[in-house]
Amino acid sequence: ERIDRALDPDAGSEGPVVLPSPYRWEAVPGAYTLEAA
């Protein structure tokens, strides 16, 4: 929600806003695939 408010053009931000990511990523052990390239 803080990010949404910061990106709202009507909110009148006075410059760049730095906020932490709202996401927390947890790797699932052993759950990966390999794709030849």
Full PDB file with SEQRES, HELIX, SHEET, SSBOND, CRYST1, ORIGX, SCALE, CONECT and MASTER records, all heavy atoms in Angstrom:
SEQRES   1 A   37  GLU ARG ILE ASP ARG ALA LEU ASP PRO ASP ALA GLY SER          
SEQRES   2 A   37  GLU GLY PRO VAL VAL LEU PRO SER PRO TYR ARG TRP GLU          
SEQRES   3 A   37  ALA VAL PRO GLY ALA TYR THR LEU GLU ALA ALA                  
HELIX    1 AA1 ARG A    2  LEU A    7  1                                   6    
HELIX    2 AA2 PRO A    9  ALA A   11  5                                   3    
CRYST1    1.000    1.000    1.000  90.00  90.00  90.00 P 1           1          
ORIGX1      1.000000  0.000000  0.000000        0.00000                         
ORIGX2      0.000000  1.000000  0.000000        0.00000                         
ORIGX3      0.000000  0.000000  1.000000        0.00000                         
SCALE1      1.000000  0.000000  0.000000        0.00000                         
SCALE2      0.000000  1.000000  0.000000        0.00000                         
SCALE3      0.000000  0.000000  1.000000        0.00000                         
ATOM      1  N   GLU A   1       0.830  -1.215   0.000  1.00  0.00           N  
ATOM      2  CA  GLU A   1       0.000   0.000   0.000  1.00  0.00           C  
ATOM      3  C   GLU A   1       0.860   1.259   0.000  1.00  0.00           C  
ATOM      4  O   GLU A   1       0.525   2.243  -0.671  1.00  0.00           O  
ATOM      5  CB  GLU A   1      -0.942  -0.015   1.199  1.00  0.00           C  
ATOM      6  CG  GLU A   1      -2.038  -1.061   1.078  1.00  0.00           C  
ATOM      7  CD  GLU A   1      -2.781  -1.322   2.385  1.00  0.00           C  
ATOM      8  OE1 GLU A   1      -2.543  -0.601   3.385  1.00  0.00           O  
ATOM      9  OE2 GLU A   1      -3.591  -2.268   2.411  1.00  0.00           O  
ATOM     10  N   ARG A   2       1.986   1.258   0.730  1.00  0.00           N  
ATOM     11  CA  ARG A   2       2.891   2.419   0.725  1.00  0.00           C  
ATOM     12  C   ARG A   2       3.458   2.659  -0.665  1.00  0.00           C  
ATOM     13  O   ARG A   2       3.580   3.794  -1.114  1.00  0.00           O  
ATOM     14  CB  ARG A   2       4.028   2.224   1.733  1.00  0.00           C  
ATOM     15  CG  ARG A   2       3.586   2.399   3.176  1.00  0.00           C  
ATOM     16  CD  ARG A   2       4.756   2.528   4.137  1.00  0.00           C  
ATOM     17  NE  ARG A   2       5.717   1.452   4.081  1.00  0.00           N  
ATOM     18  CZ  ARG A   2       5.674   0.346   4.830  1.00  0.00           C  
ATOM     19  NH1 ARG A   2       4.720   0.168   5.715  1.00  0.00           N  
ATOM     20  NH2 ARG A   2       6.607  -0.579   4.691  1.00  0.00           N  
ATOM     21  N   ILE A   3       3.793   1.580  -1.361  1.00  0.00           N  
ATOM     22  CA  ILE A   3       4.301   1.714  -2.728  1.00  0.00           C  
ATOM     23  C   ILE A   3       3.218   2.265  -3.638  1.00  0.00           C  
ATOM     24  O   ILE A   3       3.460   3.156  -4.452  1.00  0.00           O  
ATOM     25  CB  ILE A   3       4.847   0.365  -3.237  1.00  0.00           C  
ATOM     26  CG1 ILE A   3       6.138   0.038  -2.485  1.00  0.00           C  
ATOM     27  CG2 ILE A   3       5.068   0.390  -4.742  1.00  0.00           C  
ATOM     28  CD1 ILE A   3       6.682  -1.345  -2.762  1.00  0.00           C  
ATOM     29  N   ASP A   4       1.999   1.753  -3.505  1.00  0.00           N  
ATOM     30  CA  ASP A   4       0.890   2.251  -4.328  1.00  0.00           C  
ATOM     31  C   ASP A   4       0.682   3.746  -4.118  1.00  0.00           C  
ATOM     32  O   ASP A   4       0.486   4.499  -5.073  1.00  0.00           O  
ATOM     33  CB  ASP A   4      -0.403   1.486  -4.019  1.00  0.00           C  
ATOM     34  CG  ASP A   4      -0.361   0.046  -4.515  1.00  0.00           C  
ATOM     35  OD1 ASP A   4       0.518  -0.281  -5.355  1.00  0.00           O  
ATOM     36  OD2 ASP A   4      -1.192  -0.753  -4.050  1.00  0.00           O  
ATOM     37  N   ARG A   5       0.740   4.187  -2.856  1.00  0.00           N  
ATOM     38  CA  ARG A   5       0.577   5.629  -2.571  1.00  0.00           C  
ATOM     39  C   ARG A   5       1.727   6.436  -3.179  1.00  0.00           C  
ATOM     40  O   ARG A   5       1.516   7.510  -3.722  1.00  0.00           O  
ATOM     41  CB  ARG A   5       0.498   5.876  -1.068  1.00  0.00           C  
ATOM     42  CG  ARG A   5      -0.852   5.506  -0.464  1.00  0.00           C  
ATOM     43  CD  ARG A   5      -1.016   6.051   0.949  1.00  0.00           C  
ATOM     44  NE  ARG A   5       0.017   5.612   1.879  1.00  0.00           N  
ATOM     45  CZ  ARG A   5      -0.008   4.473   2.577  1.00  0.00           C  
ATOM     46  NH1 ARG A   5      -1.043   3.643   2.446  1.00  0.00           N  
ATOM     47  NH2 ARG A   5       0.966   4.160   3.395  1.00  0.00           N  
ATOM     48  N   ALA A   6       2.951   5.913  -3.084  1.00  0.00           N  
ATOM     49  CA  ALA A   6       4.106   6.635  -3.623  1.00  0.00           C  
ATOM     50  C   ALA A   6       4.037   6.751  -5.142  1.00  0.00           C  
ATOM     51  O   ALA A   6       4.523   7.725  -5.716  1.00  0.00           O  
ATOM     52  CB  ALA A   6       5.395   5.933  -3.206  1.00  0.00           C  
ATOM     53  N   LEU A   7       3.417   5.770  -5.802  1.00  0.00           N  
ATOM     54  CA  LEU A   7       3.312   5.785  -7.262  1.00  0.00           C  
ATOM     55  C   LEU A   7       2.082   6.538  -7.771  1.00  0.00           C  
ATOM     56  O   LEU A   7       1.957   6.758  -8.972  1.00  0.00           O  
ATOM     57  CB  LEU A   7       3.285   4.344  -7.794  1.00  0.00           C  
ATOM     58  CG  LEU A   7       4.566   3.531  -7.582  1.00  0.00           C  
ATOM     59  CD1 LEU A   7       4.351   2.092  -8.034  1.00  0.00           C  
ATOM     60  CD2 LEU A   7       5.736   4.163  -8.314  1.00  0.00           C  
ATOM     61  N   ASP A   8       1.206   6.932  -6.865  1.00  0.00           N  
ATOM     62  CA  ASP A   8      -0.018   7.643  -7.242  1.00  0.00           C  
ATOM     63  C   ASP A   8       0.343   9.056  -7.693  1.00  0.00           C  
ATOM     64  O   ASP A   8       0.848   9.858  -6.908  1.00  0.00           O  
ATOM     65  CB  ASP A   8      -0.974   7.691  -6.046  1.00  0.00           C  
ATOM     66  CG  ASP A   8      -2.291   8.366  -6.382  1.00  0.00           C  
ATOM     67  OD1 ASP A   8      -2.456   8.846  -7.525  1.00  0.00           O  
ATOM     68  OD2 ASP A   8      -3.151   8.408  -5.485  1.00  0.00           O  
ATOM     69  N   PRO A   9       0.081   9.397  -8.967  1.00  0.00           N  
ATOM     70  CA  PRO A   9       0.434  10.737  -9.457  1.00  0.00           C  
ATOM     71  C   PRO A   9      -0.342  11.849  -8.754  1.00  0.00           C  
ATOM     72  O   PRO A   9       0.116  12.990  -8.711  1.00  0.00           O  
ATOM     73  CB  PRO A   9       0.110  10.677 -10.953  1.00  0.00           C  
ATOM     74  CG  PRO A   9      -0.817   9.524 -11.116  1.00  0.00           C  
ATOM     75  CD  PRO A   9      -0.546   8.579  -9.994  1.00  0.00           C  
ATOM     76  N   ASP A  10      -1.490  11.523  -8.174  1.00  0.00           N  
ATOM     77  CA  ASP A  10      -2.287  12.538  -7.485  1.00  0.00           C  
ATOM     78  C   ASP A  10      -1.814  12.771  -6.049  1.00  0.00           C  
ATOM     79  O   ASP A  10      -2.298  13.681  -5.379  1.00  0.00           O  
ATOM     80  CB  ASP A  10      -3.766  12.132  -7.469  1.00  0.00           C  
ATOM     81  CG  ASP A  10      -4.336  12.053  -8.876  1.00  0.00           C  
ATOM     82  OD1 ASP A  10      -3.882  12.826  -9.745  1.00  0.00           O  
ATOM     83  OD2 ASP A  10      -5.216  11.207  -9.110  1.00  0.00           O  
ATOM     84  N   ALA A  11      -0.862  11.957  -5.565  1.00  0.00           N  
ATOM     85  CA  ALA A  11      -0.406  12.079  -4.180  1.00  0.00           C  
ATOM     86  C   ALA A  11       0.547  13.259  -3.993  1.00  0.00           C  
ATOM     87  O   ALA A  11       0.799  13.670  -2.870  1.00  0.00           O  
ATOM     88  CB  ALA A  11       0.265  10.789  -3.722  1.00  0.00           C  
ATOM     89  N   GLY A  12       1.077  13.797  -5.080  1.00  0.00           N  
ATOM     90  CA  GLY A  12       1.933  14.976  -4.982  1.00  0.00           C  
ATOM     91  C   GLY A  12       3.303  14.717  -4.401  1.00  0.00           C  
ATOM     92  O   GLY A  12       3.807  15.527  -3.626  1.00  0.00           O  
ATOM     93  N   SER A  13       3.947  13.608  -4.769  1.00  0.00           N  
ATOM     94  CA  SER A  13       5.294  13.325  -4.281  1.00  0.00           C  
ATOM     95  C   SER A  13       6.248  14.417  -4.734  1.00  0.00           C  
ATOM     96  O   SER A  13       6.171  14.914  -5.851  1.00  0.00           O  
ATOM     97  CB  SER A  13       5.758  11.966  -4.815  1.00  0.00           C  
ATOM     98  OG  SER A  13       7.098  11.738  -4.464  1.00  0.00           O  
ATOM     99  N   GLU A  14       7.175  14.796  -3.857  1.00  0.00           N  
ATOM    100  CA  GLU A  14       8.109  15.884  -4.168  1.00  0.00           C  
ATOM    101  C   GLU A  14       9.436  15.383  -4.710  1.00  0.00           C  
ATOM    102  O   GLU A  14      10.371  16.160  -4.834  1.00  0.00           O  
ATOM    103  CB  GLU A  14       8.342  16.722  -2.908  1.00  0.00           C  
ATOM    104  CG  GLU A  14       7.086  17.449  -2.478  1.00  0.00           C  
ATOM    105  CD  GLU A  14       7.336  18.355  -1.294  1.00  0.00           C  
ATOM    106  OE1 GLU A  14       8.494  18.769  -1.095  1.00  0.00           O  
ATOM    107  OE2 GLU A  14       6.382  18.639  -0.593  1.00  0.00           O  
ATOM    108  N   GLY A  15       9.570  14.140  -4.985  1.00  0.00           N  
ATOM    109  CA  GLY A  15      10.815  13.609  -5.513  1.00  0.00           C  
ATOM    110  C   GLY A  15      10.851  12.103  -5.396  1.00  0.00           C  
ATOM    111  O   GLY A  15       9.846  11.474  -5.089  1.00  0.00           O  
ATOM    112  N   PRO A  16      12.031  11.528  -5.622  1.00  0.00           N  
ATOM    113  CA  PRO A  16      12.144  10.070  -5.535  1.00  0.00           C  
ATOM    114  C   PRO A  16      11.807   9.564  -4.134  1.00  0.00           C  
ATOM    115  O   PRO A  16      12.121  10.196  -3.137  1.00  0.00           O  
ATOM    116  CB  PRO A  16      13.621   9.806  -5.850  1.00  0.00           C  
ATOM    117  CG  PRO A  16      14.103  11.040  -6.528  1.00  0.00           C  
ATOM    118  CD  PRO A  16      13.274  12.161  -6.012  1.00  0.00           C  
ATOM    119  N   VAL A  17      11.166   8.408  -4.114  1.00  0.00           N  
ATOM    120  CA  VAL A  17      10.808   7.751  -2.860  1.00  0.00           C  
ATOM    121  C   VAL A  17      11.434   6.359  -2.883  1.00  0.00           C  
ATOM    122  O   VAL A  17      11.247   5.616  -3.839  1.00  0.00           O  
ATOM    123  CB  VAL A  17       9.277   7.639  -2.709  1.00  0.00           C  
ATOM    124  CG1 VAL A  17       8.911   6.885  -1.457  1.00  0.00           C  
ATOM    125  CG2 VAL A  17       8.633   9.016  -2.745  1.00  0.00           C  
ATOM    126  N   VAL A  18      12.197   6.022  -1.844  1.00  0.00           N  
ATOM    127  CA  VAL A  18      12.817   4.711  -1.750  1.00  0.00           C  
ATOM    128  C   VAL A  18      12.100   3.927  -0.663  1.00  0.00           C  
ATOM    129  O   VAL A  18      12.057   4.355   0.496  1.00  0.00           O  
ATOM    130  CB  VAL A  18      14.324   4.824  -1.425  1.00  0.00           C  
ATOM    131  CG1 VAL A  18      14.938   3.441  -1.301  1.00  0.00           C  
ATOM    132  CG2 VAL A  18      15.036   5.633  -2.489  1.00  0.00           C  
ATOM    133  N   LEU A  19      11.519   2.790  -1.062  1.00  0.00           N  
ATOM    134  CA  LEU A  19      10.798   1.932  -0.124  1.00  0.00           C  
ATOM    135  C   LEU A  19      11.301   0.498  -0.264  1.00  0.00           C  
ATOM    136  O   LEU A  19      11.723   0.087  -1.349  1.00  0.00           O  
ATOM    137  CB  LEU A  19       9.292   1.975  -0.418  1.00  0.00           C  
ATOM    138  CG  LEU A  19       8.605   3.319  -0.204  1.00  0.00           C  
ATOM    139  CD1 LEU A  19       7.182   3.282  -0.756  1.00  0.00           C  
ATOM    140  CD2 LEU A  19       8.579   3.671   1.271  1.00  0.00           C  
ATOM    141  N   PRO A  20      11.247  -0.273   0.809  1.00  0.00           N  
ATOM    142  CA  PRO A  20      11.673  -1.678   0.709  1.00  0.00           C  
ATOM    143  C   PRO A  20      10.671  -2.487  -0.102  1.00  0.00           C  
ATOM    144  O   PRO A  20       9.505  -2.108  -0.240  1.00  0.00           O  
ATOM    145  CB  PRO A  20      11.698  -2.138   2.168  1.00  0.00           C  
ATOM    146  CG  PRO A  20      10.722  -1.245   2.861  1.00  0.00           C  
ATOM    147  CD  PRO A  20      10.792   0.086   2.154  1.00  0.00           C  
ATOM    148  N   SER A  21      11.139  -3.600  -0.617  1.00  0.00           N  
ATOM    149  CA  SER A  21      10.266  -4.495  -1.365  1.00  0.00           C  
ATOM    150  C   SER A  21       9.178  -5.036  -0.446  1.00  0.00           C  
ATOM    151  O   SER A  21       9.447  -5.373   0.704  1.00  0.00           O  
ATOM    152  CB  SER A  21      11.065  -5.664  -1.934  1.00  0.00           C  
ATOM    153  OG  SER A  21      10.193  -6.623  -2.494  1.00  0.00           O  
ATOM    154  N   PRO A  22       7.961  -5.147  -0.948  1.00  0.00           N  
ATOM    155  CA  PRO A  22       6.898  -5.733  -0.134  1.00  0.00           C  
ATOM    156  C   PRO A  22       6.922  -7.259  -0.165  1.00  0.00           C  
ATOM    157  O   PRO A  22       6.080  -7.899   0.448  1.00  0.00           O  
ATOM    158  CB  PRO A  22       5.630  -5.203  -0.798  1.00  0.00           C  
ATOM    159  CG  PRO A  22       6.010  -5.061  -2.237  1.00  0.00           C  
ATOM    160  CD  PRO A  22       7.467  -4.623  -2.220  1.00  0.00           C  
ATOM    161  N   TYR A  23       7.904  -7.849  -0.874  1.00  0.00           N  
ATOM    162  CA  TYR A  23       7.931  -9.297  -1.060  1.00  0.00           C  
ATOM    163  C   TYR A  23       9.057  -9.946  -0.265  1.00  0.00           C  
ATOM    164  O   TYR A  23      10.161  -9.424  -0.188  1.00  0.00           O  
ATOM    165  CB  TYR A  23       8.092  -9.646  -2.535  1.00  0.00           C  
ATOM    166  CG  TYR A  23       7.058  -8.980  -3.404  1.00  0.00           C  
ATOM    167  CD1 TYR A  23       7.416  -8.002  -4.316  1.00  0.00           C  
ATOM    168  CD2 TYR A  23       5.716  -9.311  -3.280  1.00  0.00           C  
ATOM    169  CE1 TYR A  23       6.458  -7.372  -5.101  1.00  0.00           C  
ATOM    170  CE2 TYR A  23       4.760  -8.687  -4.057  1.00  0.00           C  
ATOM    171  CZ  TYR A  23       5.133  -7.718  -4.966  1.00  0.00           C  
ATOM    172  OH  TYR A  23       4.189  -7.090  -5.735  1.00  0.00           O  
ATOM    173  N   ARG A  24       8.753 -11.106   0.294  1.00  0.00           N  
ATOM    174  CA  ARG A  24       9.759 -11.931   0.968  1.00  0.00           C  
ATOM    175  C   ARG A  24       9.789 -13.268   0.232  1.00  0.00           C  
ATOM    176  O   ARG A  24       8.789 -13.984   0.185  1.00  0.00           O  
ATOM    177  CB  ARG A  24       9.396 -12.126   2.440  1.00  0.00           C  
ATOM    178  CG  ARG A  24      10.427 -12.931   3.211  1.00  0.00           C  
ATOM    179  CD  ARG A  24      10.162 -12.927   4.711  1.00  0.00           C  
ATOM    180  NE  ARG A  24       8.779 -13.143   5.073  1.00  0.00           N  
ATOM    181  CZ  ARG A  24       8.236 -14.345   5.311  1.00  0.00           C  
ATOM    182  NH1 ARG A  24       8.957 -15.425   5.219  1.00  0.00           N  
ATOM    183  NH2 ARG A  24       6.963 -14.448   5.635  1.00  0.00           N  
ATOM    184  N   TRP A  25      10.938 -13.564  -0.363  1.00  0.00           N  
ATOM    185  CA  TRP A  25      11.111 -14.766  -1.174  1.00  0.00           C  
ATOM    186  C   TRP A  25      11.803 -15.838  -0.342  1.00  0.00           C  
ATOM    187  O   TRP A  25      12.870 -15.601   0.216  1.00  0.00           O  
ATOM    188  CB  TRP A  25      11.987 -14.464  -2.387  1.00  0.00           C  
ATOM    189  CG  TRP A  25      11.391 -13.511  -3.378  1.00  0.00           C  
ATOM    190  CD1 TRP A  25      11.167 -12.175  -3.197  1.00  0.00           C  
ATOM    191  CD2 TRP A  25      10.962 -13.806  -4.690  1.00  0.00           C  
ATOM    192  NE1 TRP A  25      10.631 -11.631  -4.328  1.00  0.00           N  
ATOM    193  CE2 TRP A  25      10.495 -12.614  -5.270  1.00  0.00           C  
ATOM    194  CE3 TRP A  25      10.930 -14.969  -5.451  1.00  0.00           C  
ATOM    195  CZ2 TRP A  25       9.996 -12.556  -6.562  1.00  0.00           C  
ATOM    196  CZ3 TRP A  25      10.439 -14.903  -6.750  1.00  0.00           C  
ATOM    197  CH2 TRP A  25       9.970 -13.711  -7.289  1.00  0.00           C  
ATOM    198  N   GLU A  26      11.218 -17.037  -0.275  1.00  0.00           N  
ATOM    199  CA  GLU A  26      11.809 -18.184   0.423  1.00  0.00           C  
ATOM    200  C   GLU A  26      12.013 -19.313  -0.587  1.00  0.00           C  
ATOM    201  O   GLU A  26      11.035 -19.833  -1.133  1.00  0.00           O  
ATOM    202  CB  GLU A  26      10.882 -18.691   1.526  1.00  0.00           C  
ATOM    203  CG  GLU A  26      10.637 -17.727   2.655  1.00  0.00           C  
ATOM    204  CD  GLU A  26       9.626 -18.289   3.648  1.00  0.00           C  
ATOM    205  OE1 GLU A  26       9.475 -19.536   3.743  1.00  0.00           O  
ATOM    206  OE2 GLU A  26       8.976 -17.474   4.314  1.00  0.00           O  
ATOM    207  N   ALA A  27      13.264 -19.685  -0.817  1.00  0.00           N  
ATOM    208  CA  ALA A  27      13.548 -20.781  -1.748  1.00  0.00           C  
ATOM    209  C   ALA A  27      12.986 -22.086  -1.202  1.00  0.00           C  
ATOM    210  O   ALA A  27      13.097 -22.368  -0.012  1.00  0.00           O  
ATOM    211  CB  ALA A  27      15.048 -20.911  -1.959  1.00  0.00           C  
ATOM    212  N   VAL A  28      12.361 -22.861  -2.068  1.00  0.00           N  
ATOM    213  CA  VAL A  28      11.858 -24.184  -1.693  1.00  0.00           C  
ATOM    214  C   VAL A  28      13.020 -25.156  -1.904  1.00  0.00           C  
ATOM    215  O   VAL A  28      13.461 -25.349  -3.041  1.00  0.00           O  
ATOM    216  CB  VAL A  28      10.640 -24.584  -2.547  1.00  0.00           C  
ATOM    217  CG1 VAL A  28      10.184 -25.993  -2.204  1.00  0.00           C  
ATOM    218  CG2 VAL A  28       9.504 -23.579  -2.389  1.00  0.00           C  
ATOM    219  N   PRO A  29      13.555 -25.737  -0.817  1.00  0.00           N  
ATOM    220  CA  PRO A  29      14.729 -26.615  -0.941  1.00  0.00           C  
ATOM    221  C   PRO A  29      14.501 -27.749  -1.944  1.00  0.00           C  
ATOM    222  O   PRO A  29      13.481 -28.427  -1.908  1.00  0.00           O  
ATOM    223  CB  PRO A  29      14.920 -27.172   0.476  1.00  0.00           C  
ATOM    224  CG  PRO A  29      14.249 -26.174   1.366  1.00  0.00           C  
ATOM    225  CD  PRO A  29      13.089 -25.641   0.574  1.00  0.00           C  
ATOM    226  N   GLY A  30      15.459 -27.905  -2.849  1.00  0.00           N  
ATOM    227  CA  GLY A  30      15.415 -28.992  -3.827  1.00  0.00           C  
ATOM    228  C   GLY A  30      14.420 -28.804  -4.955  1.00  0.00           C  
ATOM    229  O   GLY A  30      14.328 -29.658  -5.830  1.00  0.00           O  
ATOM    230  N   ALA A  31      13.669 -27.690  -4.968  1.00  0.00           N  
ATOM    231  CA  ALA A  31      12.640 -27.467  -5.997  1.00  0.00           C  
ATOM    232  C   ALA A  31      13.189 -26.536  -7.077  1.00  0.00           C  
ATOM    233  O   ALA A  31      12.974 -25.331  -7.050  1.00  0.00           O  
ATOM    234  CB  ALA A  31      11.375 -26.896  -5.368  1.00  0.00           C  
ATOM    235  N   TYR A  32      13.927 -27.115  -8.003  1.00  0.00           N  
ATOM    236  CA  TYR A  32      14.462 -26.341  -9.115  1.00  0.00           C  
ATOM    237  C   TYR A  32      14.521 -27.218 -10.353  1.00  0.00           C  
ATOM    238  O   TYR A  32      14.480 -28.441 -10.266  1.00  0.00           O  
ATOM    239  CB  TYR A  32      15.847 -25.770  -8.790  1.00  0.00           C  
ATOM    240  CG  TYR A  32      16.927 -26.803  -8.610  1.00  0.00           C  
ATOM    241  CD1 TYR A  32      17.691 -27.229  -9.690  1.00  0.00           C  
ATOM    242  CD2 TYR A  32      17.184 -27.358  -7.369  1.00  0.00           C  
ATOM    243  CE1 TYR A  32      18.675 -28.187  -9.529  1.00  0.00           C  
ATOM    244  CE2 TYR A  32      18.172 -28.314  -7.200  1.00  0.00           C  
ATOM    245  CZ  TYR A  32      18.917 -28.720  -8.284  1.00  0.00           C  
ATOM    246  OH  TYR A  32      19.884 -29.666  -8.118  1.00  0.00           O  
ATOM    247  N   THR A  33      14.602 -26.563 -11.506  1.00  0.00           N  
ATOM    248  CA  THR A  33      14.745 -27.278 -12.765  1.00  0.00           C  
ATOM    249  C   THR A  33      15.959 -26.726 -13.502  1.00  0.00           C  
ATOM    250  O   THR A  33      16.379 -25.588 -13.263  1.00  0.00           O  
ATOM    251  CB  THR A  33      13.500 -27.129 -13.667  1.00  0.00           C  
ATOM    252  OG1 THR A  33      13.260 -25.750 -13.923  1.00  0.00           O  
ATOM    253  CG2 THR A  33      12.277 -27.750 -13.001  1.00  0.00           C  
ATOM    254  N   LEU A  34      16.513 -27.544 -14.386  1.00  0.00           N  
ATOM    255  CA  LEU A  34      17.635 -27.144 -15.225  1.00  0.00           C  
ATOM    256  C   LEU A  34      17.163 -27.140 -16.670  1.00  0.00           C  
ATOM    257  O   LEU A  34      16.547 -28.107 -17.128  1.00  0.00           O  
ATOM    258  CB  LEU A  34      18.811 -28.111 -15.059  1.00  0.00           C  
ATOM    259  CG  LEU A  34      19.382 -28.250 -13.650  1.00  0.00           C  
ATOM    260  CD1 LEU A  34      20.469 -29.325 -13.627  1.00  0.00           C  
ATOM    261  CD2 LEU A  34      19.925 -26.921 -13.153  1.00  0.00           C  
ATOM    262  N   GLU A  35      17.446 -26.047 -17.365  1.00  0.00           N  
ATOM    263  CA  GLU A  35      17.035 -25.910 -18.764  1.00  0.00           C  
ATOM    264  C   GLU A  35      18.277 -25.701 -19.622  1.00  0.00           C  
ATOM    265  O   GLU A  35      18.998 -24.713 -19.448  1.00  0.00           O  
ATOM    266  CB  GLU A  35      16.097 -24.711 -18.914  1.00  0.00           C  
ATOM    267  CG  GLU A  35      15.663 -24.435 -20.323  1.00  0.00           C  
ATOM    268  CD  GLU A  35      14.847 -23.151 -20.429  1.00  0.00           C  
ATOM    269  OE1 GLU A  35      14.224 -22.749 -19.440  1.00  0.00           O  
ATOM    270  OE2 GLU A  35      14.858 -22.564 -21.524  1.00  0.00           O  
ATOM    271  N   ALA A  36      18.535 -26.634 -20.529  1.00  0.00           N  
ATOM    272  CA  ALA A  36      19.694 -26.520 -21.411  1.00  0.00           C  
ATOM    273  C   ALA A  36      19.589 -25.255 -22.249  1.00  0.00           C  
ATOM    274  O   ALA A  36      18.503 -24.879 -22.705  1.00  0.00           O  
ATOM    275  CB  ALA A  36      19.795 -27.750 -22.308  1.00  0.00           C  
ATOM    276  N   ALA A  37      20.727 -24.575 -22.435  1.00  0.00           N  
ATOM    277  CA  ALA A  37      20.758 -23.343 -23.220  1.00  0.00           C  
ATOM    278  C   ALA A  37      22.054 -23.300 -24.029  1.00  0.00           C  
ATOM    279  O   ALA A  37      23.064 -23.888 -23.633  1.00  0.00           O  
ATOM    280  CB  ALA A  37      20.676 -22.129 -22.296  1.00  0.00           C  
TER     281      ALA A  37                                                      
MASTER        0    0    0    2    0    0    0    6  280    1    0    3          
END                                                                             
